[in-house]
């Protein structure tokens, strides 16, 4: 695993554990809701991760983009499918998405290098 991907994973796990360890009921419930929202139901997990990636790009959250891009690749999305998602996000979000698109493509390259 690339250093960047490993650092992202370790930091996310460490901070989630710290936050959840505080025992704040509403925060813990939100984290559980967020996690369960991506389970397969009427829409499969793959589709939900694609939706999450588009929303994250439009909202310009690099951590969320990284998380959902990693999940999309785990769900088996091809590079071409990822670029279709990037295109939807760019059309919906406009040119302000371009810096996040650059970082997403850089991360996609790293993920694919690892696979």
PDB file of N, CA and C in Angstrom:
ATOM      1  N   UNK A   1       0.858  -1.180   0.000  1.00  0.00           N
ATOM      2  CA  UNK A   1       0.000   0.000   0.000  1.00  0.00           C
ATOM      3  C   UNK A   1       0.899   1.237   0.000  1.00  0.00           C
ATOM      4  N   UNK A   2       0.563   2.208  -0.841  1.00  0.00           N
ATOM      5  CA  UNK A   2       1.372   3.419  -0.905  1.00  0.00           C
ATOM      6  C   UNK A   2       1.331   4.131   0.431  1.00  0.00           C
ATOM      7  N   UNK A   3       2.355   4.920   0.675  1.00  0.00           N
ATOM      8  CA  UNK A   3       2.457   5.644   1.938  1.00  0.00           C
ATOM      9  C   UNK A   3       1.248   6.553   2.151  1.00  0.00           C
ATOM     10  N   UNK A   4       0.829   7.231   1.085  1.00  0.00           N
ATOM     11  CA  UNK A   4      -0.316   8.141   1.188  1.00  0.00           C
ATOM     12  C   UNK A   4      -1.592   7.384   1.560  1.00  0.00           C
ATOM     13  N   UNK A   5      -1.832   6.257   0.898  1.00  0.00           N
ATOM     14  CA  UNK A   5      -3.028   5.465   1.188  1.00  0.00           C
ATOM     15  C   UNK A   5      -2.978   4.905   2.602  1.00  0.00           C
ATOM     16  N   UNK A   6      -1.809   4.439   3.011  1.00  0.00           N
ATOM     17  CA  UNK A   6      -1.661   3.889   4.360  1.00  0.00           C
ATOM     18  C   UNK A   6      -1.847   4.978   5.413  1.00  0.00           C
ATOM     19  N   UNK A   7      -1.278   6.163   5.188  1.00  0.00           N
ATOM     20  CA  UNK A   7      -1.450   7.272   6.127  1.00  0.00           C
ATOM     21  C   UNK A   7      -2.922   7.663   6.243  1.00  0.00           C
ATOM     22  N   UNK A   8      -3.608   7.716   5.110  1.00  0.00           N
ATOM     23  CA  UNK A   8      -5.035   8.047   5.124  1.00  0.00           C
ATOM     24  C   UNK A   8      -5.807   7.018   5.947  1.00  0.00           C
ATOM     25  N   UNK A   9      -5.556   5.739   5.694  1.00  0.00           N
ATOM     26  CA  UNK A   9      -6.260   4.667   6.401  1.00  0.00           C
ATOM     27  C   UNK A   9      -5.979   4.720   7.898  1.00  0.00           C
ATOM     28  N   UNK A  10      -4.710   4.851   8.267  1.00  0.00           N
ATOM     29  CA  UNK A  10      -4.332   4.858   9.685  1.00  0.00           C
ATOM     30  C   UNK A  10      -4.914   6.066  10.414  1.00  0.00           C
ATOM     31  N   UNK A  11      -4.827   7.232   9.813  1.00  0.00           N
ATOM     32  CA  UNK A  11      -5.361   8.437  10.443  1.00  0.00           C
ATOM     33  C   UNK A  11      -6.869   8.333  10.630  1.00  0.00           C
ATOM     34  N   UNK A  12      -7.557   7.888   9.595  1.00  0.00           N
ATOM     35  CA  UNK A  12      -9.016   7.738   9.650  1.00  0.00           C
ATOM     36  C   UNK A  12      -9.410   6.771  10.759  1.00  0.00           C
ATOM     37  N   UNK A  13      -8.750   5.612  10.813  1.00  0.00           N
ATOM     38  CA  UNK A  13      -9.059   4.624  11.843  1.00  0.00           C
ATOM     39  C   UNK A  13      -8.772   5.172  13.245  1.00  0.00           C
ATOM     40  N   UNK A  14      -7.614   5.809  13.410  1.00  0.00           N
ATOM     41  CA  UNK A  14      -7.226   6.350  14.720  1.00  0.00           C
ATOM     42  C   UNK A  14      -8.225   7.395  15.207  1.00  0.00           C
ATOM     43  N   UNK A  15      -8.568   8.335  14.338  1.00  0.00           N
ATOM     44  CA  UNK A  15      -9.450   9.418  14.759  1.00  0.00           C
ATOM     45  C   UNK A  15     -10.890   8.946  14.931  1.00  0.00           C
ATOM     46  N   UNK A  16     -11.350   8.029  14.085  1.00  0.00           N
ATOM     47  CA  UNK A  16     -12.698   7.481  14.280  1.00  0.00           C
ATOM     48  C   UNK A  16     -12.794   6.763  15.619  1.00  0.00           C
ATOM     49  N   UNK A  17     -11.765   5.985  15.954  1.00  0.00           N
ATOM     50  CA  UNK A  17     -11.744   5.283  17.239  1.00  0.00           C
ATOM     51  C   UNK A  17     -11.767   6.271  18.401  1.00  0.00           C
ATOM     52  N   UNK A  18     -10.993   7.335  18.282  1.00  0.00           N
ATOM     53  CA  UNK A  18     -10.946   8.353  19.335  1.00  0.00           C
ATOM     54  C   UNK A  18     -12.307   9.048  19.493  1.00  0.00           C
ATOM     55  N   UNK A  19     -12.889   9.428  18.361  1.00  0.00           N
ATOM     56  CA  UNK A  19     -14.186  10.115  18.397  1.00  0.00           C
ATOM     57  C   UNK A  19     -15.265   9.200  18.968  1.00  0.00           C
ATOM     58  N   UNK A  20     -15.352   7.983  18.460  1.00  0.00           N
ATOM     59  CA  UNK A  20     -16.376   7.050  18.924  1.00  0.00           C
ATOM     60  C   UNK A  20     -16.147   6.642  20.370  1.00  0.00           C
ATOM     61  N   UNK A  21     -14.889   6.633  20.802  1.00  0.00           N
ATOM     62  CA  UNK A  21     -14.551   6.269  22.171  1.00  0.00           C
ATOM     63  C   UNK A  21     -15.047   7.253  23.216  1.00  0.00           C
ATOM     64  N   UNK A  22     -15.381   8.459  22.780  1.00  0.00           N
ATOM     65  CA  UNK A  22     -15.923   9.456  23.710  1.00  0.00           C
ATOM     66  C   UNK A  22     -17.319   9.075  24.188  1.00  0.00           C
ATOM     67  N   UNK A  23     -17.992   8.218  23.435  1.00  0.00           N
ATOM     68  CA  UNK A  23     -19.306   7.750  23.847  1.00  0.00           C
ATOM     69  C   UNK A  23     -20.431   8.756  23.663  1.00  0.00           C
ATOM     70  N   UNK A  24     -20.244   9.763  22.845  1.00  0.00           N
ATOM     71  CA  UNK A  24     -21.300  10.744  22.596  1.00  0.00           C
ATOM     72  C   UNK A  24     -22.379  10.080  21.738  1.00  0.00           C
ATOM     73  N   UNK A  25     -23.554   9.944  22.292  1.00  0.00           N
ATOM     74  CA  UNK A  25     -24.609   9.146  21.674  1.00  0.00           C
ATOM     75  C   UNK A  25     -24.975   9.613  20.263  1.00  0.00           C
ATOM     76  N   UNK A  26     -25.183  10.911  20.079  1.00  0.00           N
ATOM     77  CA  UNK A  26     -25.619  11.386  18.767  1.00  0.00           C
ATOM     78  C   UNK A  26     -24.507  11.242  17.724  1.00  0.00           C
ATOM     79  N   UNK A  27     -23.261  11.507  18.112  1.00  0.00           N
ATOM     80  CA  UNK A  27     -22.144  11.341  17.173  1.00  0.00           C
ATOM     81  C   UNK A  27     -22.008   9.870  16.795  1.00  0.00           C
ATOM     82  N   UNK A  28     -22.070   8.989  17.776  1.00  0.00           N
ATOM     83  CA  UNK A  28     -21.968   7.559  17.489  1.00  0.00           C
ATOM     84  C   UNK A  28     -23.109   7.096  16.595  1.00  0.00           C
ATOM     85  N   UNK A  29     -24.298   7.606  16.836  1.00  0.00           N
ATOM     86  CA  UNK A  29     -25.441   7.245  15.993  1.00  0.00           C
ATOM     87  C   UNK A  29     -25.241   7.734  14.566  1.00  0.00           C
ATOM     88  N   UNK A  30     -24.707   8.950  14.409  1.00  0.00           N
ATOM     89  CA  UNK A  30     -24.466   9.476  13.069  1.00  0.00           C
ATOM     90  C   UNK A  30     -23.447   8.618  12.331  1.00  0.00           C
ATOM     91  N   UNK A  31     -22.362   8.257  13.005  1.00  0.00           N
ATOM     92  CA  UNK A  31     -21.354   7.400  12.381  1.00  0.00           C
ATOM     93  C   UNK A  31     -21.974   6.069  11.954  1.00  0.00           C
ATOM     94  N   UNK A  32     -22.824   5.496  12.804  1.00  0.00           N
ATOM     95  CA  UNK A  32     -23.484   4.225  12.463  1.00  0.00           C
ATOM     96  C   UNK A  32     -24.421   4.408  11.278  1.00  0.00           C
ATOM     97  N   UNK A  33     -25.162   5.498  11.263  1.00  0.00           N
ATOM     98  CA  UNK A  33     -26.059   5.790  10.149  1.00  0.00           C
ATOM     99  C   UNK A  33     -25.267   5.946   8.855  1.00  0.00           C
ATOM    100  N   UNK A  34     -24.169   6.673   8.920  1.00  0.00           N
ATOM    101  CA  UNK A  34     -23.321   6.877   7.746  1.00  0.00           C
ATOM    102  C   UNK A  34     -22.813   5.537   7.220  1.00  0.00           C
ATOM    103  N   UNK A  35     -22.328   4.702   8.093  1.00  0.00           N
ATOM    104  CA  UNK A  35     -21.808   3.389   7.692  1.00  0.00           C
ATOM    105  C   UNK A  35     -22.899   2.535   7.070  1.00  0.00           C
ATOM    106  N   UNK A  36     -24.038   2.462   7.705  1.00  0.00           N
ATOM    107  CA  UNK A  36     -25.137   1.607   7.234  1.00  0.00           C
ATOM    108  C   UNK A  36     -25.765   2.123   5.940  1.00  0.00           C
ATOM    109  N   UNK A  37     -25.648   3.417   5.684  1.00  0.00           N
ATOM    110  CA  UNK A  37     -26.234   3.997   4.469  1.00  0.00           C
ATOM    111  C   UNK A  37     -25.645   3.419   3.199  1.00  0.00           C
ATOM    112  N   UNK A  38     -24.446   2.857   3.293  1.00  0.00           N
ATOM    113  CA  UNK A  38     -23.774   2.320   2.111  1.00  0.00           C
ATOM    114  C   UNK A  38     -23.940   0.811   1.974  1.00  0.00           C
ATOM    115  N   UNK A  39     -24.718   0.204   2.865  1.00  0.00           N
ATOM    116  CA  UNK A  39     -25.039  -1.219   2.727  1.00  0.00           C
ATOM    117  C   UNK A  39     -25.999  -1.409   1.553  1.00  0.00           C
ATOM    118  N   UNK A  40     -25.939  -2.562   0.925  1.00  0.00           N
ATOM    119  CA  UNK A  40     -26.863  -2.865  -0.167  1.00  0.00           C
ATOM    120  C   UNK A  40     -28.289  -2.951   0.360  1.00  0.00           C
ATOM    121  N   UNK A  41     -29.191  -2.377  -0.382  1.00  0.00           N
ATOM    122  CA  UNK A  41     -30.618  -2.435  -0.079  1.00  0.00           C
ATOM    123  C   UNK A  41     -31.323  -2.306  -1.431  1.00  0.00           C
ATOM    124  N   UNK A  42     -32.216  -1.345  -1.588  1.00  0.00           N
ATOM    125  CA  UNK A  42     -32.845  -1.144  -2.892  1.00  0.00           C
ATOM    126  C   UNK A  42     -31.783  -0.776  -3.936  1.00  0.00           C
ATOM    127  N   UNK A  43     -30.757  -0.062  -3.498  1.00  0.00           N
ATOM    128  CA  UNK A  43     -29.569   0.190  -4.321  1.00  0.00           C
ATOM    129  C   UNK A  43     -28.427  -0.634  -3.752  1.00  0.00           C
ATOM    130  N   UNK A  44     -27.615  -1.190  -4.630  1.00  0.00           N
ATOM    131  CA  UNK A  44     -26.477  -1.966  -4.139  1.00  0.00           C
ATOM    132  C   UNK A  44     -25.356  -1.039  -3.650  1.00  0.00           C
ATOM    133  N   UNK A  45     -24.437  -1.608  -2.880  1.00  0.00           N
ATOM    134  CA  UNK A  45     -23.339  -0.836  -2.282  1.00  0.00           C
ATOM    135  C   UNK A  45     -22.503  -0.147  -3.358  1.00  0.00           C
ATOM    136  N   UNK A  46     -22.313  -0.819  -4.473  1.00  0.00           N
ATOM    137  CA  UNK A  46     -21.518  -0.253  -5.578  1.00  0.00           C
ATOM    138  C   UNK A  46     -22.125   1.062  -6.065  1.00  0.00           C
ATOM    139  N   UNK A  47     -23.431   1.057  -6.298  1.00  0.00           N
ATOM    140  CA  UNK A  47     -24.127   2.264  -6.752  1.00  0.00           C
ATOM    141  C   UNK A  47     -24.060   3.353  -5.701  1.00  0.00           C
ATOM    142  N   UNK A  48     -24.256   2.994  -4.444  1.00  0.00           N
ATOM    143  CA  UNK A  48     -24.210   3.982  -3.371  1.00  0.00           C
ATOM    144  C   UNK A  48     -22.833   4.620  -3.240  1.00  0.00           C
ATOM    145  N   UNK A  49     -21.782   3.832  -3.442  1.00  0.00           N
ATOM    146  CA  UNK A  49     -20.429   4.398  -3.393  1.00  0.00           C
ATOM    147  C   UNK A  49     -20.197   5.363  -4.548  1.00  0.00           C
ATOM    148  N   UNK A  50     -20.744   5.054  -5.708  1.00  0.00           N
ATOM    149  CA  UNK A  50     -20.633   5.973  -6.841  1.00  0.00           C
ATOM    150  C   UNK A  50     -21.345   7.289  -6.528  1.00  0.00           C
ATOM    151  N   UNK A  51     -22.528   7.189  -5.935  1.00  0.00           N
ATOM    152  CA  UNK A  51     -23.262   8.393  -5.546  1.00  0.00           C
ATOM    153  C   UNK A  51     -22.487   9.186  -4.499  1.00  0.00           C
ATOM    154  N   UNK A  52     -21.899   8.468  -3.547  1.00  0.00           N
ATOM    155  CA  UNK A  52     -21.091   9.119  -2.518  1.00  0.00           C
ATOM    156  C   UNK A  52     -19.906   9.855  -3.108  1.00  0.00           C
ATOM    157  N   UNK A  53     -19.277   9.256  -4.129  1.00  0.00           N
ATOM    158  CA  UNK A  53     -18.131   9.895  -4.766  1.00  0.00           C
ATOM    159  C   UNK A  53     -18.551  11.170  -5.497  1.00  0.00           C
ATOM    160  N   UNK A  54     -19.641  11.115  -6.233  1.00  0.00           N
ATOM    161  CA  UNK A  54     -20.119  12.323  -6.920  1.00  0.00           C
ATOM    162  C   UNK A  54     -20.435  13.415  -5.898  1.00  0.00           C
ATOM    163  N   UNK A  55     -21.180  13.076  -4.863  1.00  0.00           N
ATOM    164  CA  UNK A  55     -21.552  14.074  -3.857  1.00  0.00           C
ATOM    165  C   UNK A  55     -20.314  14.661  -3.188  1.00  0.00           C
ATOM    166  N   UNK A  56     -19.344  13.821  -2.886  1.00  0.00           N
ATOM    167  CA  UNK A  56     -18.119  14.289  -2.227  1.00  0.00           C
ATOM    168  C   UNK A  56     -17.335  15.235  -3.119  1.00  0.00           C
ATOM    169  N   UNK A  57     -17.303  14.945  -4.406  1.00  0.00           N
ATOM    170  CA  UNK A  57     -16.590  15.829  -5.332  1.00  0.00           C
ATOM    171  C   UNK A  57     -17.314  17.165  -5.463  1.00  0.00           C
ATOM    172  N   UNK A  58     -18.634  17.131  -5.564  1.00  0.00           N
ATOM    173  CA  UNK A  58     -19.400  18.373  -5.691  1.00  0.00           C
ATOM    174  C   UNK A  58     -19.276  19.207  -4.412  1.00  0.00           C
ATOM    175  N   UNK A  59     -19.249  18.534  -3.269  1.00  0.00           N
ATOM    176  CA  UNK A  59     -19.101  19.247  -1.992  1.00  0.00           C
ATOM    177  C   UNK A  59     -17.650  19.596  -1.686  1.00  0.00           C
ATOM    178  N   UNK A  60     -16.718  19.071  -2.493  1.00  0.00           N
ATOM    179  CA  UNK A  60     -15.294  19.400  -2.433  1.00  0.00           C
ATOM    180  C   UNK A  60     -14.645  18.980  -1.112  1.00  0.00           C
ATOM    181  N   UNK A  61     -14.917  17.742  -0.726  1.00  0.00           N
ATOM    182  CA  UNK A  61     -14.319  17.176   0.492  1.00  0.00           C
ATOM    183  C   UNK A  61     -13.287  16.124   0.080  1.00  0.00           C
ATOM    184  N   UNK A  62     -12.003  16.483   0.147  1.00  0.00           N
ATOM    185  CA  UNK A  62     -10.960  15.564  -0.305  1.00  0.00           C
ATOM    186  C   UNK A  62     -10.910  14.270   0.502  1.00  0.00           C
ATOM    187  N   UNK A  63     -11.134  14.326   1.812  1.00  0.00           N
ATOM    188  CA  UNK A  63     -11.159  13.094   2.608  1.00  0.00           C
ATOM    189  C   UNK A  63     -12.288  12.178   2.148  1.00  0.00           C
ATOM    190  N   UNK A  64     -13.457  12.755   1.909  1.00  0.00           N
ATOM    191  CA  UNK A  64     -14.601  11.955   1.459  1.00  0.00           C
ATOM    192  C   UNK A  64     -14.372  11.411   0.060  1.00  0.00           C
ATOM    193  N   UNK A  65     -13.772  12.229  -0.806  1.00  0.00           N
ATOM    194  CA  UNK A  65     -13.447  11.770  -2.152  1.00  0.00           C
ATOM    195  C   UNK A  65     -12.524  10.566  -2.065  1.00  0.00           C
ATOM    196  N   UNK A  66     -11.489  10.676  -1.243  1.00  0.00           N
ATOM    197  CA  UNK A  66     -10.533   9.568  -1.093  1.00  0.00           C
ATOM    198  C   UNK A  66     -11.245   8.319  -0.585  1.00  0.00           C
ATOM    199  N   UNK A  67     -12.055   8.462   0.449  1.00  0.00           N
ATOM    200  CA  UNK A  67     -12.752   7.310   1.016  1.00  0.00           C
ATOM    201  C   UNK A  67     -13.632   6.636  -0.039  1.00  0.00           C
ATOM    202  N   UNK A  68     -14.454   7.413  -0.716  1.00  0.00           N
ATOM    203  CA  UNK A  68     -15.396   6.824  -1.675  1.00  0.00           C
ATOM    204  C   UNK A  68     -14.686   6.285  -2.916  1.00  0.00           C
ATOM    205  N   UNK A  69     -13.592   6.909  -3.318  1.00  0.00           N
ATOM    206  CA  UNK A  69     -12.840   6.380  -4.451  1.00  0.00           C
ATOM    207  C   UNK A  69     -12.213   5.032  -4.089  1.00  0.00           C
ATOM    208  N   UNK A  70     -11.672   4.926  -2.910  1.00  0.00           N
ATOM    209  CA  UNK A  70     -11.134   3.645  -2.431  1.00  0.00           C
ATOM    210  C   UNK A  70     -12.241   2.596  -2.408  1.00  0.00           C
ATOM    211  N   UNK A  71     -13.402   2.960  -1.887  1.00  0.00           N
ATOM    212  CA  UNK A  71     -14.525   2.021  -1.820  1.00  0.00           C
ATOM    213  C   UNK A  71     -15.010   1.647  -3.217  1.00  0.00           C
ATOM    214  N   UNK A  72     -15.063   2.612  -4.129  1.00  0.00           N
ATOM    215  CA  UNK A  72     -15.483   2.315  -5.500  1.00  0.00           C
ATOM    216  C   UNK A  72     -14.542   1.297  -6.137  1.00  0.00           C
ATOM    217  N   UNK A  73     -13.267   1.450  -5.934  1.00  0.00           N
ATOM    218  CA  UNK A  73     -12.318   0.491  -6.502  1.00  0.00           C
ATOM    219  C   UNK A  73     -12.477  -0.871  -5.832  1.00  0.00           C
ATOM    220  N   UNK A  74     -12.767  -0.905  -4.523  1.00  0.00           N
ATOM    221  CA  UNK A  74     -13.030  -2.177  -3.844  1.00  0.00           C
ATOM    222  C   UNK A  74     -14.277  -2.847  -4.411  1.00  0.00           C
ATOM    223  N   UNK A  75     -15.228  -2.039  -4.863  1.00  0.00           N
ATOM    224  CA  UNK A  75     -16.456  -2.562  -5.460  1.00  0.00           C
ATOM    225  C   UNK A  75     -16.248  -2.979  -6.913  1.00  0.00           C
ATOM    226  N   UNK A  76     -15.030  -2.805  -7.413  1.00  0.00           N
ATOM    227  CA  UNK A  76     -14.694  -3.298  -8.745  1.00  0.00           C
ATOM    228  C   UNK A  76     -14.879  -2.325  -9.893  1.00  0.00           C
ATOM    229  N   UNK A  77     -15.036  -1.050  -9.604  1.00  0.00           N
ATOM    230  CA  UNK A  77     -15.202  -0.092 -10.688  1.00  0.00           C
ATOM    231  C   UNK A  77     -13.933   0.011 -11.523  1.00  0.00           C
ATOM    232  N   UNK A  78     -14.120   0.133 -12.809  1.00  0.00           N
ATOM    233  CA  UNK A  78     -12.994   0.306 -13.732  1.00  0.00           C
ATOM    234  C   UNK A  78     -12.572   1.775 -13.749  1.00  0.00           C
ATOM    235  N   UNK A  79     -11.429   2.022 -14.347  1.00  0.00           N
ATOM    236  CA  UNK A  79     -10.954   3.389 -14.521  1.00  0.00           C
ATOM    237  C   UNK A  79     -11.956   4.192 -15.356  1.00  0.00           C
ATOM    238  N   UNK A  80     -12.459   3.584 -16.418  1.00  0.00           N
ATOM    239  CA  UNK A  80     -13.434   4.272 -17.276  1.00  0.00           C
ATOM    240  C   UNK A  80     -14.693   4.645 -16.492  1.00  0.00           C
ATOM    241  N   UNK A  81     -15.152   3.748 -15.621  1.00  0.00           N
ATOM    242  CA  UNK A  81     -16.330   4.061 -14.799  1.00  0.00           C
ATOM    243  C   UNK A  81     -16.020   5.208 -13.832  1.00  0.00           C
ATOM    244  N   UNK A  82     -14.829   5.215 -13.275  1.00  0.00           N
ATOM    245  CA  UNK A  82     -14.444   6.311 -12.376  1.00  0.00           C
ATOM    246  C   UNK A  82     -14.460   7.643 -13.118  1.00  0.00           C
ATOM    247  N   UNK A  83     -13.954   7.648 -14.342  1.00  0.00           N
ATOM    248  CA  UNK A  83     -13.949   8.891 -15.111  1.00  0.00           C
ATOM    249  C   UNK A  83     -15.368   9.328 -15.481  1.00  0.00           C
ATOM    250  N   UNK A  84     -16.291   8.396 -15.655  1.00  0.00           N
ATOM    251  CA  UNK A  84     -17.693   8.777 -15.869  1.00  0.00           C
ATOM    252  C   UNK A  84     -18.243   9.476 -14.619  1.00  0.00           C
ATOM    253  N   UNK A  85     -17.894   8.947 -13.457  1.00  0.00           N
ATOM    254  CA  UNK A  85     -18.308   9.564 -12.192  1.00  0.00           C
ATOM    255  C   UNK A  85     -17.695  10.958 -12.072  1.00  0.00           C
ATOM    256  N   UNK A  86     -16.402  11.066 -12.377  1.00  0.00           N
ATOM    257  CA  UNK A  86     -15.732  12.373 -12.320  1.00  0.00           C
ATOM    258  C   UNK A  86     -16.428  13.369 -13.242  1.00  0.00           C
ATOM    259  N   UNK A  87     -16.846  12.914 -14.413  1.00  0.00           N
ATOM    260  CA  UNK A  87     -17.515  13.789 -15.361  1.00  0.00           C
ATOM    261  C   UNK A  87     -18.849  14.297 -14.808  1.00  0.00           C
ATOM    262  N   UNK A  88     -19.630  13.399 -14.211  1.00  0.00           N
ATOM    263  CA  UNK A  88     -20.906  13.818 -13.621  1.00  0.00           C
ATOM    264  C   UNK A  88     -20.655  14.864 -12.537  1.00  0.00           C
ATOM    265  N   UNK A  89     -19.671  14.618 -11.688  1.00  0.00           N
ATOM    266  CA  UNK A  89     -19.354  15.569 -10.620  1.00  0.00           C
ATOM    267  C   UNK A  89     -18.920  16.918 -11.181  1.00  0.00           C
ATOM    268  N   UNK A  90     -18.141  16.886 -12.245  1.00  0.00           N
ATOM    269  CA  UNK A  90     -17.674  18.125 -12.869  1.00  0.00           C
ATOM    270  C   UNK A  90     -18.831  18.904 -13.479  1.00  0.00           C
ATOM    271  N   UNK A  91     -19.729  18.207 -14.153  1.00  0.00           N
ATOM    272  CA  UNK A  91     -20.882  18.867 -14.765  1.00  0.00           C
ATOM    273  C   UNK A  91     -21.796  19.459 -13.687  1.00  0.00           C
ATOM    274  N   UNK A  92     -22.046  18.701 -12.636  1.00  0.00           N
ATOM    275  CA  UNK A  92     -22.930  19.175 -11.566  1.00  0.00           C
ATOM    276  C   UNK A  92     -22.270  20.289 -10.755  1.00  0.00           C
ATOM    277  N   UNK A  93     -20.986  20.102 -10.429  1.00  0.00           N
ATOM    278  CA  UNK A  93     -20.303  21.041  -9.539  1.00  0.00           C
ATOM    279  C   UNK A  93     -19.630  22.211 -10.210  1.00  0.00           C
ATOM    280  N   UNK A  94     -19.331  22.078 -11.489  1.00  0.00           N
ATOM    281  CA  UNK A  94     -18.678  23.164 -12.205  1.00  0.00           C
ATOM    282  C   UNK A  94     -17.170  23.151 -12.051  1.00  0.00           C
ATOM    283  N   UNK A  95     -16.552  24.205 -12.547  1.00  0.00           N
ATOM    284  CA  UNK A  95     -15.089  24.253 -12.625  1.00  0.00           C
ATOM    285  C   UNK A  95     -14.416  24.256 -11.246  1.00  0.00           C
ATOM    286  N   UNK A  96     -15.130  24.608 -10.203  1.00  0.00           N
ATOM    287  CA  UNK A  96     -14.540  24.593  -8.853  1.00  0.00           C
ATOM    288  C   UNK A  96     -14.155  23.176  -8.431  1.00  0.00           C
ATOM    289  N   UNK A  97     -14.715  22.177  -9.112  1.00  0.00           N
ATOM    290  CA  UNK A  97     -14.413  20.776  -8.821  1.00  0.00           C
ATOM    291  C   UNK A  97     -13.049  20.362  -9.400  1.00  0.00           C
ATOM    292  N   UNK A  98     -12.530  21.113 -10.367  1.00  0.00           N
ATOM    293  CA  UNK A  98     -11.310  20.711 -11.072  1.00  0.00           C
ATOM    294  C   UNK A  98     -10.130  20.412 -10.137  1.00  0.00           C
ATOM    295  N   UNK A  99      -9.815  21.236  -9.134  1.00  0.00           N
ATOM    296  CA  UNK A  99      -8.694  20.871  -8.253  1.00  0.00           C
ATOM    297  C   UNK A  99      -8.910  19.533  -7.544  1.00  0.00           C
ATOM    298  N   UNK A 100     -10.145  19.242  -7.196  1.00  0.00           N
ATOM    299  CA  UNK A 100     -10.467  17.979  -6.528  1.00  0.00           C
ATOM    300  C   UNK A 100     -10.415  16.824  -7.516  1.00  0.00           C
ATOM    301  N   UNK A 101     -10.778  17.100  -8.758  1.00  0.00           N
ATOM    302  CA  UNK A 101     -10.652  16.111  -9.824  1.00  0.00           C
ATOM    303  C   UNK A 101      -9.185  15.727 -10.016  1.00  0.00           C
ATOM    304  N   UNK A 102      -8.311  16.715 -10.002  1.00  0.00           N
ATOM    305  CA  UNK A 102      -6.876  16.430 -10.142  1.00  0.00           C
ATOM    306  C   UNK A 102      -6.395  15.489  -9.041  1.00  0.00           C
ATOM    307  N   UNK A 103      -6.766  15.807  -7.801  1.00  0.00           N
ATOM    308  CA  UNK A 103      -6.333  14.965  -6.676  1.00  0.00           C
ATOM    309  C   UNK A 103      -6.976  13.583  -6.736  1.00  0.00           C
ATOM    310  N   UNK A 104      -8.214  13.522  -7.207  1.00  0.00           N
ATOM    311  CA  UNK A 104      -8.883  12.220  -7.333  1.00  0.00           C
ATOM    312  C   UNK A 104      -8.184  11.347  -8.369  1.00  0.00           C
ATOM    313  N   UNK A 105      -7.785  11.925  -9.483  1.00  0.00           N
ATOM    314  CA  UNK A 105      -7.082  11.159 -10.515  1.00  0.00           C
ATOM    315  C   UNK A 105      -5.718  10.709  -9.998  1.00  0.00           C
ATOM    316  N   UNK A 106      -5.037  11.573  -9.265  1.00  0.00           N
ATOM    317  CA  UNK A 106      -3.756  11.193  -8.664  1.00  0.00           C
ATOM    318  C   UNK A 106      -3.934  10.011  -7.714  1.00  0.00           C
ATOM    319  N   UNK A 107      -4.984  10.053  -6.908  1.00  0.00           N
ATOM    320  CA  UNK A 107      -5.263   8.956  -5.978  1.00  0.00           C
ATOM    321  C   UNK A 107      -5.667   7.692  -6.733  1.00  0.00           C
ATOM    322  N   UNK A 108      -6.468   7.842  -7.768  1.00  0.00           N
ATOM    323  CA  UNK A 108      -6.858   6.690  -8.589  1.00  0.00           C
ATOM    324  C   UNK A 108      -5.614   6.003  -9.146  1.00  0.00           C
ATOM    325  N   UNK A 109      -4.663   6.785  -9.622  1.00  0.00           N
ATOM    326  CA  UNK A 109      -3.412   6.209 -10.123  1.00  0.00           C
ATOM    327  C   UNK A 109      -2.705   5.411  -9.042  1.00  0.00           C
ATOM    328  N   UNK A 110      -2.665   5.948  -7.824  1.00  0.00           N
ATOM    329  CA  UNK A 110      -2.016   5.247  -6.697  1.00  0.00           C
ATOM    330  C   UNK A 110      -2.744   3.951  -6.364  1.00  0.00           C
ATOM    331  N   UNK A 111      -4.061   4.008  -6.326  1.00  0.00           N
ATOM    332  CA  UNK A 111      -4.853   2.803  -6.006  1.00  0.00           C
ATOM    333  C   UNK A 111      -4.611   1.726  -7.063  1.00  0.00           C
ATOM    334  N   UNK A 112      -4.659   2.122  -8.323  1.00  0.00           N
ATOM    335  CA  UNK A 112      -4.477   1.152  -9.390  1.00  0.00           C
ATOM    336  C   UNK A 112      -3.058   0.582  -9.404  1.00  0.00           C
ATOM    337  N   UNK A 113      -2.103   1.374  -9.018  1.00  0.00           N
ATOM    338  CA  UNK A 113      -0.716   0.888  -8.926  1.00  0.00           C
ATOM    339  C   UNK A 113      -0.606  -0.189  -7.860  1.00  0.00           C
ATOM    340  N   UNK A 114      -1.387  -0.070  -6.799  1.00  0.00           N
ATOM    341  CA  UNK A 114      -1.383  -1.028  -5.697  1.00  0.00           C
ATOM    342  C   UNK A 114      -2.072  -2.331  -6.078  1.00  0.00           C
ATOM    343  N   UNK A 115      -3.023  -2.281  -6.994  1.00  0.00           N
ATOM    344  CA  UNK A 115      -3.832  -3.462  -7.322  1.00  0.00           C
ATOM    345  C   UNK A 115      -3.107  -4.429  -8.194  1.00  0.00           C
TER     346      UNK A 115
END
